Amino acid sequence: MCYYLVVADSPAEQKVQLLIGSDDGVKAWVNGKQVHRNQAHRAIAFGQDKVTVDLKSGRNTILLKVENGDGPGGVALSIGSSLPLTLATQ
């Protein structure tokens, strides 16, 4: 099991689309609220799960938890946004 934290600074409130790929299962939280869960057993690929979420103006936290079954694990995250975002990992 691994956790990944991304901080997204948004210039305004907006809806964005999280494009999540994972090996294997994944859970996602935005600003402390669980927004996604997939208990898949799969190899990682980009954009396997698509989740529309609300970001607030300013700092937003995106926490991903990967529950790996066997072998290597990992996560891929892209964010589709109409406004520019500043992203950082913690």
PDB file of N, CA and C in Angstrom:
ATOM      1  N   MET A   1       0.849  -1.164   0.000  1.00  0.00           N
ATOM      2  CA  MET A   1       0.000   0.000   0.000  1.00  0.00           C
ATOM      3  C   MET A   1       0.898   1.231   0.000  1.00  0.00           C
ATOM      4  N   CYS A   2       0.595   2.191  -0.891  1.00  0.00           N
ATOM      5  CA  CYS A   2       1.358   3.435  -1.004  1.00  0.00           C
ATOM      6  C   CYS A   2       0.397   4.611  -1.082  1.00  0.00           C
ATOM      7  N   TYR A   3       0.826   5.737  -0.524  1.00  0.00           N
ATOM      8  CA  TYR A   3       0.061   6.980  -0.586  1.00  0.00           C
ATOM      9  C   TYR A   3       0.836   8.006  -1.398  1.00  0.00           C
ATOM     10  N   TYR A   4       0.110   8.813  -2.163  1.00  0.00           N
ATOM     11  CA  TYR A   4       0.700   9.878  -2.973  1.00  0.00           C
ATOM     12  C   TYR A   4      -0.108  11.144  -2.709  1.00  0.00           C
ATOM     13  N   LEU A   5       0.583  12.251  -2.414  1.00  0.00           N
ATOM     14  CA  LEU A   5      -0.086  13.512  -2.132  1.00  0.00           C
ATOM     15  C   LEU A   5       0.321  14.550  -3.164  1.00  0.00           C
ATOM     16  N   VAL A   6      -0.681  15.176  -3.772  1.00  0.00           N
ATOM     17  CA  VAL A   6      -0.466  16.251  -4.737  1.00  0.00           C
ATOM     18  C   VAL A   6      -1.222  17.474  -4.233  1.00  0.00           C
ATOM     19  N   VAL A   7      -0.574  18.630  -4.291  1.00  0.00           N
ATOM     20  CA  VAL A   7      -1.221  19.888  -3.944  1.00  0.00           C
ATOM     21  C   VAL A   7      -1.477  20.642  -5.245  1.00  0.00           C
ATOM     22  N   ALA A   8      -2.734  21.045  -5.445  1.00  0.00           N
ATOM     23  CA  ALA A   8      -3.139  21.781  -6.649  1.00  0.00           C
ATOM     24  C   ALA A   8      -3.629  23.163  -6.229  1.00  0.00           C
ATOM     25  N   ASP A   9      -2.925  24.197  -6.679  1.00  0.00           N
ATOM     26  CA  ASP A   9      -3.359  25.572  -6.433  1.00  0.00           C
ATOM     27  C   ASP A   9      -4.185  26.031  -7.626  1.00  0.00           C
ATOM     28  N   SER A  10      -5.431  26.417  -7.344  1.00  0.00           N
ATOM     29  CA  SER A  10      -6.363  26.845  -8.386  1.00  0.00           C
ATOM     30  C   SER A  10      -6.648  28.341  -8.241  1.00  0.00           C
ATOM     31  N   PRO A  11      -6.688  29.093  -9.355  1.00  0.00           N
ATOM     32  CA  PRO A  11      -6.952  30.523  -9.268  1.00  0.00           C
ATOM     33  C   PRO A  11      -8.413  30.857  -8.927  1.00  0.00           C
ATOM     34  N   ALA A  12      -9.306  29.867  -9.053  1.00  0.00           N
ATOM     35  CA  ALA A  12     -10.733  30.079  -8.774  1.00  0.00           C
ATOM     36  C   ALA A  12     -11.397  28.723  -8.544  1.00  0.00           C
ATOM     37  N   GLU A  13     -12.619  28.746  -8.017  1.00  0.00           N
ATOM     38  CA  GLU A  13     -13.393  27.508  -7.920  1.00  0.00           C
ATOM     39  C   GLU A  13     -13.621  26.981  -9.326  1.00  0.00           C
ATOM     40  N   GLN A  14     -13.495  25.658  -9.484  1.00  0.00           N
ATOM     41  CA  GLN A  14     -13.715  25.068 -10.802  1.00  0.00           C
ATOM     42  C   GLN A  14     -13.920  23.565 -10.695  1.00  0.00           C
ATOM     43  N   LYS A  15     -14.597  23.017 -11.701  1.00  0.00           N
ATOM     44  CA  LYS A  15     -14.702  21.564 -11.851  1.00  0.00           C
ATOM     45  C   LYS A  15     -13.525  21.109 -12.694  1.00  0.00           C
ATOM     46  N   VAL A  16     -12.903  20.008 -12.276  1.00  0.00           N
ATOM     47  CA  VAL A  16     -11.802  19.425 -13.038  1.00  0.00           C
ATOM     48  C   VAL A  16     -12.046  17.933 -13.168  1.00  0.00           C
ATOM     49  N   GLN A  17     -11.339  17.325 -14.091  1.00  0.00           N
ATOM     50  CA  GLN A  17     -11.431  15.878 -14.256  1.00  0.00           C
ATOM     51  C   GLN A  17     -10.100  15.253 -13.872  1.00  0.00           C
ATOM     52  N   LEU A  18     -10.143  14.352 -12.880  1.00  0.00           N
ATOM     53  CA  LEU A  18      -8.970  13.573 -12.520  1.00  0.00           C
ATOM     54  C   LEU A  18      -8.920  12.357 -13.431  1.00  0.00           C
ATOM     55  N   LEU A  19      -7.793  12.137 -14.069  1.00  0.00           N
ATOM     56  CA  LEU A  19      -7.558  10.957 -14.897  1.00  0.00           C
ATOM     57  C   LEU A  19      -6.540  10.118 -14.146  1.00  0.00           C
ATOM     58  N   ILE A  20      -7.000   8.991 -13.606  1.00  0.00           N
ATOM     59  CA  ILE A  20      -6.188   8.189 -12.704  1.00  0.00           C
ATOM     60  C   ILE A  20      -5.900   6.831 -13.335  1.00  0.00           C
ATOM     61  N   GLY A  21      -4.646   6.441 -13.310  1.00  0.00           N
ATOM     62  CA  GLY A  21      -4.240   5.095 -13.678  1.00  0.00           C
ATOM     63  C   GLY A  21      -3.577   4.465 -12.471  1.00  0.00           C
ATOM     64  N   SER A  22      -3.774   3.180 -12.261  1.00  0.00           N
ATOM     65  CA  SER A  22      -3.186   2.549 -11.072  1.00  0.00           C
ATOM     66  C   SER A  22      -2.912   1.072 -11.282  1.00  0.00           C
ATOM     67  N   ASP A  23      -1.979   0.585 -10.504  1.00  0.00           N
ATOM     68  CA  ASP A  23      -1.642  -0.845 -10.431  1.00  0.00           C
ATOM     69  C   ASP A  23      -1.558  -1.169  -8.942  1.00  0.00           C
ATOM     70  N   ASP A  24      -2.526  -1.613  -8.382  1.00  0.00           N
ATOM     71  CA  ASP A  24      -3.820  -2.221  -8.703  1.00  0.00           C
ATOM     72  C   ASP A  24      -4.953  -1.278  -8.268  1.00  0.00           C
ATOM     73  N   GLY A  25      -5.584  -1.543  -7.135  1.00  0.00           N
ATOM     74  CA  GLY A  25      -6.708  -0.741  -6.670  1.00  0.00           C
ATOM     75  C   GLY A  25      -6.289   0.659  -6.257  1.00  0.00           C
ATOM     76  N   VAL A  26      -7.259   1.590  -6.290  1.00  0.00           N
ATOM     77  CA  VAL A  26      -6.951   2.982  -5.950  1.00  0.00           C
ATOM     78  C   VAL A  26      -8.148   3.637  -5.258  1.00  0.00           C
ATOM     79  N   LYS A  27      -7.827   4.503  -4.304  1.00  0.00           N
ATOM     80  CA  LYS A  27      -8.807   5.393  -3.680  1.00  0.00           C
ATOM     81  C   LYS A  27      -8.277   6.813  -3.830  1.00  0.00           C
ATOM     82  N   ALA A  28      -9.196   7.785  -3.963  1.00  0.00           N
ATOM     83  CA  ALA A  28      -8.792   9.178  -4.118  1.00  0.00           C
ATOM     84  C   ALA A  28      -9.632  10.061  -3.204  1.00  0.00           C
ATOM     85  N   TRP A  29      -8.957  11.036  -2.582  1.00  0.00           N
ATOM     86  CA  TRP A  29      -9.597  12.037  -1.750  1.00  0.00           C
ATOM     87  C   TRP A  29      -9.206  13.416  -2.271  1.00  0.00           C
ATOM     88  N   VAL A  30     -10.150  14.339  -2.284  1.00  0.00           N
ATOM     89  CA  VAL A  30      -9.867  15.733  -2.610  1.00  0.00           C
ATOM     90  C   VAL A  30     -10.307  16.564  -1.406  1.00  0.00           C
ATOM     91  N   ASN A  31      -9.362  17.289  -0.857  1.00  0.00           N
ATOM     92  CA  ASN A  31      -9.626  18.120   0.326  1.00  0.00           C
ATOM     93  C   ASN A  31     -10.292  17.325   1.445  1.00  0.00           C
ATOM     94  N   GLY A  32      -9.820  16.099   1.649  1.00  0.00           N
ATOM     95  CA  GLY A  32     -10.301  15.259   2.743  1.00  0.00           C
ATOM     96  C   GLY A  32     -11.566  14.475   2.471  1.00  0.00           C
ATOM     97  N   LYS A  33     -12.196  14.672   1.314  1.00  0.00           N
ATOM     98  CA  LYS A  33     -13.429  13.958   0.974  1.00  0.00           C
ATOM     99  C   LYS A  33     -13.128  12.870  -0.054  1.00  0.00           C
ATOM    100  N   GLN A  34     -13.526  11.619   0.268  1.00  0.00           N
ATOM    101  CA  GLN A  34     -13.291  10.537  -0.691  1.00  0.00           C
ATOM    102  C   GLN A  34     -14.162  10.760  -1.920  1.00  0.00           C
ATOM    103  N   VAL A  35     -13.511  10.745  -3.103  1.00  0.00           N
ATOM    104  CA  VAL A  35     -14.214  11.022  -4.361  1.00  0.00           C
ATOM    105  C   VAL A  35     -14.181   9.843  -5.327  1.00  0.00           C
ATOM    106  N   HIS A  36     -13.373   8.815  -5.004  1.00  0.00           N
ATOM    107  CA  HIS A  36     -13.234   7.701  -5.949  1.00  0.00           C
ATOM    108  C   HIS A  36     -12.697   6.467  -5.235  1.00  0.00           C
ATOM    109  N   ARG A  37     -13.149   5.303  -5.722  1.00  0.00           N
ATOM    110  CA  ARG A  37     -12.635   4.008  -5.246  1.00  0.00           C
ATOM    111  C   ARG A  37     -12.782   3.000  -6.370  1.00  0.00           C
ATOM    112  N   ASN A  38     -11.714   2.271  -6.646  1.00  0.00           N
ATOM    113  CA  ASN A  38     -11.750   1.195  -7.632  1.00  0.00           C
ATOM    114  C   ASN A  38     -10.865   0.074  -7.109  1.00  0.00           C
ATOM    115  N   GLN A  39     -11.439  -1.075  -6.860  1.00  0.00           N
ATOM    116  CA  GLN A  39     -10.702  -2.212  -6.314  1.00  0.00           C
ATOM    117  C   GLN A  39     -10.191  -3.138  -7.417  1.00  0.00           C
ATOM    118  N   ALA A  40      -9.731  -2.556  -8.494  1.00  0.00           N
ATOM    119  CA  ALA A  40      -9.284  -3.313  -9.665  1.00  0.00           C
ATOM    120  C   ALA A  40      -7.994  -4.079  -9.390  1.00  0.00           C
ATOM    121  N   HIS A  41      -7.801  -5.131 -10.137  1.00  0.00           N
ATOM    122  CA  HIS A  41      -6.521  -5.845 -10.227  1.00  0.00           C
ATOM    123  C   HIS A  41      -6.091  -5.699 -11.672  1.00  0.00           C
ATOM    124  N   ARG A  42      -5.166  -4.748 -11.913  1.00  0.00           N
ATOM    125  CA  ARG A  42      -4.833  -4.396 -13.293  1.00  0.00           C
ATOM    126  C   ARG A  42      -3.420  -3.845 -13.363  1.00  0.00           C
ATOM    127  N   ALA A  43      -2.909  -3.828 -14.573  1.00  0.00           N
ATOM    128  CA  ALA A  43      -1.645  -3.139 -14.845  1.00  0.00           C
ATOM    129  C   ALA A  43      -1.961  -1.657 -15.047  1.00  0.00           C
ATOM    130  N   ILE A  44      -0.997  -0.815 -14.746  1.00  0.00           N
ATOM    131  CA  ILE A  44      -1.207   0.627 -14.834  1.00  0.00           C
ATOM    132  C   ILE A  44      -1.260   1.094 -16.288  1.00  0.00           C
ATOM    133  N   ALA A  45      -2.147   2.036 -16.559  1.00  0.00           N
ATOM    134  CA  ALA A  45      -2.243   2.729 -17.849  1.00  0.00           C
ATOM    135  C   ALA A  45      -2.803   4.111 -17.564  1.00  0.00           C
ATOM    136  N   PHE A  46      -2.518   5.071 -18.406  1.00  0.00           N
ATOM    137  CA  PHE A  46      -3.001   6.434 -18.188  1.00  0.00           C
ATOM    138  C   PHE A  46      -4.508   6.521 -18.383  1.00  0.00           C
ATOM    139  N   GLY A  47      -5.178   7.264 -17.510  1.00  0.00           N
ATOM    140  CA  GLY A  47      -6.599   7.582 -17.663  1.00  0.00           C
ATOM    141  C   GLY A  47      -7.556   6.426 -17.532  1.00  0.00           C
ATOM    142  N   GLN A  48      -7.217   5.413 -16.742  1.00  0.00           N
ATOM    143  CA  GLN A  48      -8.124   4.274 -16.587  1.00  0.00           C
ATOM    144  C   GLN A  48      -9.429   4.675 -15.897  1.00  0.00           C
ATOM    145  N   ASP A  49      -9.348   5.578 -14.937  1.00  0.00           N
ATOM    146  CA  ASP A  49     -10.522   6.062 -14.212  1.00  0.00           C
ATOM    147  C   ASP A  49     -10.636   7.569 -14.429  1.00  0.00           C
ATOM    148  N   LYS A  50     -11.861   8.028 -14.658  1.00  0.00           N
ATOM    149  CA  LYS A  50     -12.117   9.456 -14.857  1.00  0.00           C
ATOM    150  C   LYS A  50     -13.106   9.910 -13.797  1.00  0.00           C
ATOM    151  N   VAL A  51     -12.717  10.940 -13.034  1.00  0.00           N
ATOM    152  CA  VAL A  51     -13.529  11.406 -11.919  1.00  0.00           C
ATOM    153  C   VAL A  51     -13.633  12.929 -11.989  1.00  0.00           C
ATOM    154  N   THR A  52     -14.855  13.469 -12.041  1.00  0.00           N
ATOM    155  CA  THR A  52     -15.056  14.909 -12.023  1.00  0.00           C
ATOM    156  C   THR A  52     -15.203  15.364 -10.578  1.00  0.00           C
ATOM    157  N   VAL A  53     -14.415  16.367 -10.198  1.00  0.00           N
ATOM    158  CA  VAL A  53     -14.408  16.874  -8.822  1.00  0.00           C
ATOM    159  C   VAL A  53     -14.415  18.394  -8.831  1.00  0.00           C
ATOM    160  N   ASP A  54     -14.777  18.972  -7.686  1.00  0.00           N
ATOM    161  CA  ASP A  54     -14.748  20.418  -7.504  1.00  0.00           C
ATOM    162  C   ASP A  54     -13.474  20.811  -6.775  1.00  0.00           C
ATOM    163  N   LEU A  55     -12.767  21.805  -7.310  1.00  0.00           N
ATOM    164  CA  LEU A  55     -11.643  22.405  -6.609  1.00  0.00           C
ATOM    165  C   LEU A  55     -12.076  23.768  -6.112  1.00  0.00           C
ATOM    166  N   LYS A  56     -11.581  24.149  -4.959  1.00  0.00           N
ATOM    167  CA  LYS A  56     -11.844  25.479  -4.428  1.00  0.00           C
ATOM    168  C   LYS A  56     -10.741  26.422  -4.889  1.00  0.00           C
ATOM    169  N   SER A  57     -10.972  27.693  -4.734  1.00  0.00           N
ATOM    170  CA  SER A  57      -9.942  28.677  -5.028  1.00  0.00           C
ATOM    171  C   SER A  57      -8.821  28.521  -4.002  1.00  0.00           C
ATOM    172  N   GLY A  58      -7.583  28.517  -4.464  1.00  0.00           N
ATOM    173  CA  GLY A  58      -6.449  28.358  -3.565  1.00  0.00           C
ATOM    174  C   GLY A  58      -5.953  26.929  -3.507  1.00  0.00           C
ATOM    175  N   ARG A  59      -5.460  26.528  -2.333  1.00  0.00           N
ATOM    176  CA  ARG A  59      -4.806  25.234  -2.160  1.00  0.00           C
ATOM    177  C   ARG A  59      -5.817  24.101  -2.026  1.00  0.00           C
ATOM    178  N   ASN A  60      -5.595  23.029  -2.799  1.00  0.00           N
ATOM    179  CA  ASN A  60      -6.395  21.805  -2.760  1.00  0.00           C
ATOM    180  C   ASN A  60      -5.466  20.623  -2.613  1.00  0.00           C
ATOM    181  N   THR A  61      -5.835  19.664  -1.771  1.00  0.00           N
ATOM    182  CA  THR A  61      -5.023  18.455  -1.637  1.00  0.00           C
ATOM    183  C   THR A  61      -5.709  17.299  -2.345  1.00  0.00           C
ATOM    184  N   ILE A  62      -4.909  16.535  -3.055  1.00  0.00           N
ATOM    185  CA  ILE A  62      -5.377  15.321  -3.730  1.00  0.00           C
ATOM    186  C   ILE A  62      -4.534  14.185  -3.180  1.00  0.00           C
ATOM    187  N   LEU A  63      -5.165  13.262  -2.475  1.00  0.00           N
ATOM    188  CA  LEU A  63      -4.480  12.122  -1.873  1.00  0.00           C
ATOM    189  C   LEU A  63      -4.912  10.859  -2.599  1.00  0.00           C
ATOM    190  N   LEU A  64      -3.946  10.078  -3.050  1.00  0.00           N
ATOM    191  CA  LEU A  64      -4.212   8.810  -3.727  1.00  0.00           C
ATOM    192  C   LEU A  64      -3.617   7.679  -2.900  1.00  0.00           C
ATOM    193  N   LYS A  65      -4.383   6.615  -2.745  1.00  0.00           N
ATOM    194  CA  LYS A  65      -3.916   5.412  -2.047  1.00  0.00           C
ATOM    195  C   LYS A  65      -3.971   4.259  -3.031  1.00  0.00           C
ATOM    196  N   VAL A  66      -2.833   3.632  -3.270  1.00  0.00           N
ATOM    197  CA  VAL A  66      -2.772   2.481  -4.168  1.00  0.00           C
ATOM    198  C   VAL A  66      -2.626   1.224  -3.326  1.00  0.00           C
ATOM    199  N   GLU A  67      -3.508   0.275  -3.547  1.00  0.00           N
ATOM    200  CA  GLU A  67      -3.479  -1.007  -2.848  1.00  0.00           C
ATOM    201  C   GLU A  67      -2.990  -2.054  -3.835  1.00  0.00           C
ATOM    202  N   ASN A  68      -1.693  -2.306  -3.801  1.00  0.00           N
ATOM    203  CA  ASN A  68      -1.068  -3.214  -4.759  1.00  0.00           C
ATOM    204  C   ASN A  68      -1.278  -4.664  -4.344  1.00  0.00           C
ATOM    205  N   GLY A  69      -1.608  -5.505  -5.327  1.00  0.00           N
ATOM    206  CA  GLY A  69      -1.778  -6.931  -5.085  1.00  0.00           C
ATOM    207  C   GLY A  69      -0.451  -7.651  -5.168  1.00  0.00           C
ATOM    208  N   ASP A  70       0.032  -7.893  -6.356  1.00  0.00           N
ATOM    209  CA  ASP A  70       1.289  -8.594  -6.588  1.00  0.00           C
ATOM    210  C   ASP A  70       2.172  -7.773  -7.513  1.00  0.00           C
ATOM    211  N   GLY A  71       3.477  -7.961  -7.396  1.00  0.00           N
ATOM    212  CA  GLY A  71       4.423  -7.327  -8.301  1.00  0.00           C
ATOM    213  C   GLY A  71       4.507  -5.835  -8.083  1.00  0.00           C
ATOM    214  N   PRO A  72       5.028  -5.119  -9.098  1.00  0.00           N
ATOM    215  CA  PRO A  72       5.177  -3.671  -8.969  1.00  0.00           C
ATOM    216  C   PRO A  72       3.824  -2.973  -8.898  1.00  0.00           C
ATOM    217  N   GLY A  73       3.809  -1.801  -8.292  1.00  0.00           N
ATOM    218  CA  GLY A  73       2.599  -0.997  -8.215  1.00  0.00           C
ATOM    219  C   GLY A  73       2.928   0.429  -8.614  1.00  0.00           C
ATOM    220  N   GLY A  74       1.916   1.244  -8.761  1.00  0.00           N
ATOM    221  CA  GLY A  74       2.160   2.636  -9.094  1.00  0.00           C
ATOM    222  C   GLY A  74       0.878   3.356  -9.412  1.00  0.00           C
ATOM    223  N   VAL A  75       1.035   4.649  -9.699  1.00  0.00           N
ATOM    224  CA  VAL A  75      -0.115   5.487 -10.017  1.00  0.00           C
ATOM    225  C   VAL A  75       0.287   6.530 -11.052  1.00  0.00           C
ATOM    226  N   ALA A  76      -0.674   6.918 -11.882  1.00  0.00           N
ATOM    227  CA  ALA A  76      -0.498   8.011 -12.842  1.00  0.00           C
ATOM    228  C   ALA A  76      -1.686   8.943 -12.658  1.00  0.00           C
ATOM    229  N   LEU A  77      -1.415  10.251 -12.568  1.00  0.00           N
ATOM    230  CA  LEU A  77      -2.471  11.234 -12.381  1.00  0.00           C
ATOM    231  C   LEU A  77      -2.308  12.363 -13.384  1.00  0.00           C
ATOM    232  N   SER A  78      -3.377  12.658 -14.092  1.00  0.00           N
ATOM    233  CA  SER A  78      -3.469  13.852 -14.934  1.00  0.00           C
ATOM    234  C   SER A  78      -4.709  14.602 -14.491  1.00  0.00           C
ATOM    235  N   ILE A  79      -4.702  15.923 -14.669  1.00  0.00           N
ATOM    236  CA  ILE A  79      -5.848  16.728 -14.281  1.00  0.00           C
ATOM    237  C   ILE A  79      -6.267  17.579 -15.468  1.00  0.00           C
ATOM    238  N   GLY A  80      -7.511  17.392 -15.909  1.00  0.00           N
ATOM    239  CA  GLY A  80      -8.076  18.199 -16.979  1.00  0.00           C
ATOM    240  C   GLY A  80      -8.754  19.414 -16.368  1.00  0.00           C
ATOM    241  N   SER A  81      -8.301  20.606 -16.750  1.00  0.00           N
ATOM    242  CA  SER A  81      -8.765  21.824 -16.123  1.00  0.00           C
ATOM    243  C   SER A  81      -8.943  22.922 -17.168  1.00  0.00           C
ATOM    244  N   SER A  82      -9.968  23.773 -16.989  1.00  0.00           N
ATOM    245  CA  SER A  82     -10.160  24.902 -17.902  1.00  0.00           C
ATOM    246  C   SER A  82      -9.305  26.098 -17.499  1.00  0.00           C
ATOM    247  N   LEU A  83      -8.867  26.141 -16.252  1.00  0.00           N
ATOM    248  CA  LEU A  83      -8.002  27.192 -15.744  1.00  0.00           C
ATOM    249  C   LEU A  83      -6.642  26.606 -15.388  1.00  0.00           C
ATOM    250  N   PRO A  84      -5.582  27.397 -15.428  1.00  0.00           N
ATOM    251  CA  PRO A  84      -4.263  26.852 -15.093  1.00  0.00           C
ATOM    252  C   PRO A  84      -4.166  26.455 -13.624  1.00  0.00           C
ATOM    253  N   LEU A  85      -3.487  25.362 -13.358  1.00  0.00           N
ATOM    254  CA  LEU A  85      -3.246  24.882 -12.004  1.00  0.00           C
ATOM    255  C   LEU A  85      -1.747  24.851 -11.761  1.00  0.00           C
ATOM    256  N   THR A  86      -1.351  25.102 -10.524  1.00  0.00           N
ATOM    257  CA  THR A  86       0.026  24.895 -10.112  1.00  0.00           C
ATOM    258  C   THR A  86       0.038  23.649  -9.262  1.00  0.00           C
ATOM    259  N   LEU A  87       0.836  22.643  -9.651  1.00  0.00           N
ATOM    260  CA  LEU A  87       0.868  21.368  -8.959  1.00  0.00           C
ATOM    261  C   LEU A  87       2.210  21.169  -8.267  1.00  0.00           C
ATOM    262  N   ALA A  88       2.151  20.518  -7.099  1.00  0.00           N
ATOM    263  CA  ALA A  88       3.361  20.159  -6.368  1.00  0.00           C
ATOM    264  C   ALA A  88       3.106  18.857  -5.634  1.00  0.00           C
ATOM    265  N   THR A  89       4.149  18.067  -5.463  1.00  0.00           N
ATOM    266  CA  THR A  89       4.058  16.868  -4.649  1.00  0.00           C
ATOM    267  C   THR A  89       4.627  17.187  -3.274  1.00  0.00           C
ATOM    268  N   GLN A  90       4.153  16.456  -2.295  1.00  0.00           N
ATOM    269  CA  GLN A  90       4.595  16.678  -0.917  1.00  0.00           C
ATOM    270  C   GLN A  90       5.288  15.439  -0.402  1.00  0.00           C
TER     271      GLN A  90
END
